[in-house]
Amino acid sequence: GYLIVNMGFMTGRPVTFALYSKLIPEKNQGAYLGYMVAGGSAARTIGPFVAVFCYYHIGNGMNTLALFGSIATIMIMCLIVMFTLWSSLIPSLSVSVAGDKEKSSDGSVSFHRSEGLSMHVDKANGNVSKTSSA
């Protein structure tokens, strides 16, 4: 079990930080990533003491259920919050380009500049394609 937890931590933490840094504005990244690191450190510091306290002070065979049940409850609540806020977690696509702008009926936008640079933004799936005809 210890090996699986360590492997999950080593692979999950970098992915979590990468996703988190893409979701928050650049201006606040340092502060929010700092809060995330501080929260994880506090959980790893205080968590074992809380677990030992709960294990030895909750009797009648309920100690294991209390520990794992509380963790499962927290995980389920986090999943519910994530699915509830999912649409607000997707970063918005904003493009500002000087030049001629064409909008098609499907909602995609194309920009053309006189220097031969063109950009096409497809809002349906969030693709941005750039072409240069120099």
C-alpha atoms as a PDB file:
ATOM      1  CA  GLY A   1       0.000   0.000   0.000  1.00  0.00           C
ATOM      2  CA  TYR A   2       2.821   2.406   0.846  1.00  0.00           C
ATOM      3  CA  LEU A   3       4.383   1.984  -2.604  1.00  0.00           C
ATOM      4  CA  ILE A   4       1.059   2.680  -4.337  1.00  0.00           C
ATOM      5  CA  VAL A   5       0.490   5.834  -2.271  1.00  0.00           C
ATOM      6  CA  ASN A   6       3.994   7.097  -3.064  1.00  0.00           C
ATOM      7  CA  MET A   7       3.613   6.369  -6.780  1.00  0.00           C
ATOM      8  CA  GLY A   8       0.277   8.181  -6.830  1.00  0.00           C
ATOM      9  CA  PHE A   9       1.744  11.161  -4.994  1.00  0.00           C
ATOM     10  CA  MET A  10       4.762  11.376  -7.322  1.00  0.00           C
ATOM     11  CA  THR A  11       2.616  11.242 -10.454  1.00  0.00           C
ATOM     12  CA  GLY A  12      -0.434  13.145  -9.206  1.00  0.00           C
ATOM     13  CA  ARG A  13       1.202  16.180  -7.637  1.00  0.00           C
ATOM     14  CA  PRO A  14       2.976  17.525 -10.767  1.00  0.00           C
ATOM     15  CA  VAL A  15      -0.180  17.020 -12.831  1.00  0.00           C
ATOM     16  CA  THR A  16      -2.267  18.793 -10.204  1.00  0.00           C
ATOM     17  CA  PHE A  17       0.126  21.747 -10.071  1.00  0.00           C
ATOM     18  CA  ALA A  18       0.205  21.979 -13.870  1.00  0.00           C
ATOM     19  CA  LEU A  19      -3.596  21.961 -14.154  1.00  0.00           C
ATOM     20  CA  TYR A  20      -3.995  24.376 -11.259  1.00  0.00           C
ATOM     21  CA  SER A  21      -1.512  26.826 -12.798  1.00  0.00           C
ATOM     22  CA  LYS A  22      -3.496  26.785 -16.059  1.00  0.00           C
ATOM     23  CA  LEU A  23      -6.800  27.546 -14.307  1.00  0.00           C
ATOM     24  CA  ILE A  24      -5.754  30.575 -12.255  1.00  0.00           C
ATOM     25  CA  PRO A  25      -4.790  33.990 -13.668  1.00  0.00           C
ATOM     26  CA  GLU A  26      -1.070  34.649 -14.118  1.00  0.00           C
ATOM     27  CA  LYS A  27      -1.236  37.586 -11.719  1.00  0.00           C
ATOM     28  CA  ASN A  28      -2.267  35.359  -8.768  1.00  0.00           C
ATOM     29  CA  GLN A  29      -0.358  32.163  -9.569  1.00  0.00           C
ATOM     30  CA  GLY A  30       2.384  32.615  -6.975  1.00  0.00           C
ATOM     31  CA  ALA A  31      -0.018  33.239  -4.112  1.00  0.00           C
ATOM     32  CA  TYR A  32      -2.452  30.452  -5.008  1.00  0.00           C
ATOM     33  CA  LEU A  33       0.260  27.872  -5.654  1.00  0.00           C
ATOM     34  CA  GLY A  34       1.789  28.896  -2.318  1.00  0.00           C
ATOM     35  CA  TYR A  35      -1.558  28.289  -0.583  1.00  0.00           C
ATOM     36  CA  MET A  36      -1.755  24.888  -2.257  1.00  0.00           C
ATOM     37  CA  VAL A  37       1.730  23.902  -1.072  1.00  0.00           C
ATOM     38  CA  ALA A  38       1.056  25.236   2.435  1.00  0.00           C
ATOM     39  CA  GLY A  39      -2.237  23.331   2.655  1.00  0.00           C
ATOM     40  CA  GLY A  40      -0.567  20.085   1.583  1.00  0.00           C
ATOM     41  CA  SER A  41       2.259  20.585   4.083  1.00  0.00           C
ATOM     42  CA  ALA A  42      -0.192  21.302   6.900  1.00  0.00           C
ATOM     43  CA  ALA A  43      -2.200  18.180   6.029  1.00  0.00           C
ATOM     44  CA  ARG A  44       0.928  15.997   6.038  1.00  0.00           C
ATOM     45  CA  THR A  45       2.026  17.529   9.360  1.00  0.00           C
ATOM     46  CA  ILE A  46      -1.276  17.537  11.276  1.00  0.00           C
ATOM     47  CA  GLY A  47      -2.987  14.585   9.583  1.00  0.00           C
ATOM     48  CA  PRO A  48      -1.107  11.754  11.319  1.00  0.00           C
ATOM     49  CA  PHE A  49      -1.778  13.248  14.767  1.00  0.00           C
ATOM     50  CA  VAL A  50      -5.498  13.589  14.022  1.00  0.00           C
ATOM     51  CA  ALA A  51      -5.622  10.027  12.659  1.00  0.00           C
ATOM     52  CA  VAL A  52      -3.912   8.565  15.756  1.00  0.00           C
ATOM     53  CA  PHE A  53      -6.199  10.567  18.054  1.00  0.00           C
ATOM     54  CA  CYS A  54      -9.306   9.369  16.213  1.00  0.00           C
ATOM     55  CA  TYR A  55      -8.079   5.774  16.099  1.00  0.00           C
ATOM     56  CA  TYR A  56      -7.449   5.519  19.851  1.00  0.00           C
ATOM     57  CA  HIS A  57     -10.279   7.719  21.146  1.00  0.00           C
ATOM     58  CA  ILE A  58     -13.195   6.447  19.061  1.00  0.00           C
ATOM     59  CA  GLY A  59     -14.206   3.113  20.504  1.00  0.00           C
ATOM     60  CA  ASN A  60     -16.577   0.221  19.834  1.00  0.00           C
ATOM     61  CA  GLY A  61     -14.829  -0.848  16.630  1.00  0.00           C
ATOM     62  CA  MET A  62     -15.850   2.363  14.915  1.00  0.00           C
ATOM     63  CA  ASN A  63     -12.341   3.847  14.742  1.00  0.00           C
ATOM     64  CA  THR A  64     -11.490   2.385  11.332  1.00  0.00           C
ATOM     65  CA  LEU A  65     -14.902   3.296   9.944  1.00  0.00           C
ATOM     66  CA  ALA A  66     -14.552   6.834  11.293  1.00  0.00           C
ATOM     67  CA  LEU A  67     -11.133   7.322   9.705  1.00  0.00           C
ATOM     68  CA  PHE A  68     -11.827   5.856   6.291  1.00  0.00           C
ATOM     69  CA  GLY A  69     -15.440   7.021   6.246  1.00  0.00           C
ATOM     70  CA  SER A  70     -14.425  10.626   6.881  1.00  0.00           C
ATOM     71  CA  ILE A  71     -11.800  10.442   4.121  1.00  0.00           C
ATOM     72  CA  ALA A  72     -14.328   8.930   1.704  1.00  0.00           C
ATOM     73  CA  THR A  73     -16.866  11.620   2.608  1.00  0.00           C
ATOM     74  CA  ILE A  74     -14.347  14.397   1.957  1.00  0.00           C
ATOM     75  CA  MET A  75     -13.390  12.844  -1.394  1.00  0.00           C
ATOM     76  CA  ILE A  76     -17.049  12.543  -2.454  1.00  0.00           C
ATOM     77  CA  MET A  77     -17.703  16.174  -1.456  1.00  0.00           C
ATOM     78  CA  CYS A  78     -14.676  17.294  -3.503  1.00  0.00           C
ATOM     79  CA  LEU A  79     -15.950  15.372  -6.524  1.00  0.00           C
ATOM     80  CA  ILE A  80     -19.404  16.928  -6.167  1.00  0.00           C
ATOM     81  CA  VAL A  81     -17.896  20.426  -5.943  1.00  0.00           C
ATOM     82  CA  MET A  82     -15.667  19.725  -8.957  1.00  0.00           C
ATOM     83  CA  PHE A  83     -18.545  18.496 -11.127  1.00  0.00           C
ATOM     84  CA  THR A  84     -20.750  21.382  -9.968  1.00  0.00           C
ATOM     85  CA  LEU A  85     -18.126  24.009 -10.817  1.00  0.00           C
ATOM     86  CA  TRP A  86     -16.703  22.226 -13.883  1.00  0.00           C
ATOM     87  CA  SER A  87     -17.913  24.801 -16.419  1.00  0.00           C
ATOM     88  CA  SER A  88     -16.292  27.648 -14.482  1.00  0.00           C
ATOM     89  CA  LEU A  89     -12.989  25.738 -14.249  1.00  0.00           C
ATOM     90  CA  ILE A  90     -12.492  25.712 -18.026  1.00  0.00           C
ATOM     91  CA  PRO A  91     -10.293  28.706 -18.901  1.00  0.00           C
ATOM     92  CA  SER A  92     -11.776  31.180 -21.344  1.00  0.00           C
ATOM     93  CA  LEU A  93     -10.174  31.724 -24.719  1.00  0.00           C
ATOM     94  CA  SER A  94      -9.402  35.357 -25.400  1.00  0.00           C
ATOM     95  CA  VAL A  95      -7.598  36.541 -28.500  1.00  0.00           C
ATOM     96  CA  SER A  96      -6.699  40.091 -29.401  1.00  0.00           C
ATOM     97  CA  VAL A  97      -5.228  40.537 -32.848  1.00  0.00           C
ATOM     98  CA  ALA A  98      -5.118  43.704 -34.906  1.00  0.00           C
ATOM     99  CA  GLY A  99      -6.312  43.191 -38.455  1.00  0.00           C
ATOM    100  CA  ASP A 100      -9.342  42.178 -40.478  1.00  0.00           C
ATOM    101  CA  LYS A 101     -11.819  39.982 -38.622  1.00  0.00           C
ATOM    102  CA  GLU A 102     -14.208  37.497 -40.238  1.00  0.00           C
ATOM    103  CA  LYS A 103     -16.892  35.630 -38.292  1.00  0.00           C
ATOM    104  CA  SER A 104     -18.531  32.540 -39.761  1.00  0.00           C
ATOM    105  CA  SER A 105     -21.977  31.124 -39.022  1.00  0.00           C
ATOM    106  CA  ASP A 106     -20.590  28.333 -36.782  1.00  0.00           C
ATOM    107  CA  GLY A 107     -19.103  30.849 -34.340  1.00  0.00           C
ATOM    108  CA  SER A 108     -15.480  30.491 -35.442  1.00  0.00           C
ATOM    109  CA  VAL A 109     -13.456  33.642 -36.005  1.00  0.00           C
ATOM    110  CA  SER A 110     -10.633  34.305 -38.474  1.00  0.00           C
ATOM    111  CA  PHE A 111      -8.140  37.175 -38.294  1.00  0.00           C
ATOM    112  CA  HIS A 112      -6.019  38.291 -41.247  1.00  0.00           C
ATOM    113  CA  ARG A 113      -3.146  40.753 -41.156  1.00  0.00           C
ATOM    114  CA  SER A 114      -1.542  42.511 -44.048  1.00  0.00           C
ATOM    115  CA  GLU A 115       1.864  40.941 -43.245  1.00  0.00           C
ATOM    116  CA  GLY A 116       0.485  37.535 -44.248  1.00  0.00           C
ATOM    117  CA  LEU A 117      -0.298  36.172 -40.768  1.00  0.00           C
ATOM    118  CA  SER A 118      -3.705  34.542 -40.324  1.00  0.00           C
ATOM    119  CA  MET A 119      -5.302  33.071 -37.206  1.00  0.00           C
ATOM    120  CA  HIS A 120      -8.431  30.926 -37.001  1.00  0.00           C
ATOM    121  CA  VAL A 121     -10.248  30.460 -33.661  1.00  0.00           C
ATOM    122  CA  ASP A 122     -12.766  27.623 -33.466  1.00  0.00           C
ATOM    123  CA  LYS A 123     -14.938  28.283 -30.389  1.00  0.00           C
ATOM    124  CA  ALA A 124     -16.672  24.906 -30.577  1.00  0.00           C
ATOM    125  CA  ASN A 125     -13.591  22.944 -29.526  1.00  0.00           C
ATOM    126  CA  GLY A 126     -11.197  25.737 -28.523  1.00  0.00           C
ATOM    127  CA  ASN A 127      -8.676  25.189 -31.334  1.00  0.00           C
ATOM    128  CA  VAL A 128      -6.489  28.056 -32.491  1.00  0.00           C
ATOM    129  CA  SER A 129      -4.570  27.701 -35.738  1.00  0.00           C
ATOM    130  CA  LYS A 130      -2.026  30.169 -37.100  1.00  0.00           C
ATOM    131  CA  THR A 131      -0.773  30.331 -40.659  1.00  0.00           C
ATOM    132  CA  SER A 132       1.856  32.512 -42.226  1.00  0.00           C
ATOM    133  CA  SER A 133       1.965  33.178 -45.943  1.00  0.00           C
ATOM    134  CA  ALA A 134       5.269  35.042 -46.163  1.00  0.00           C
END
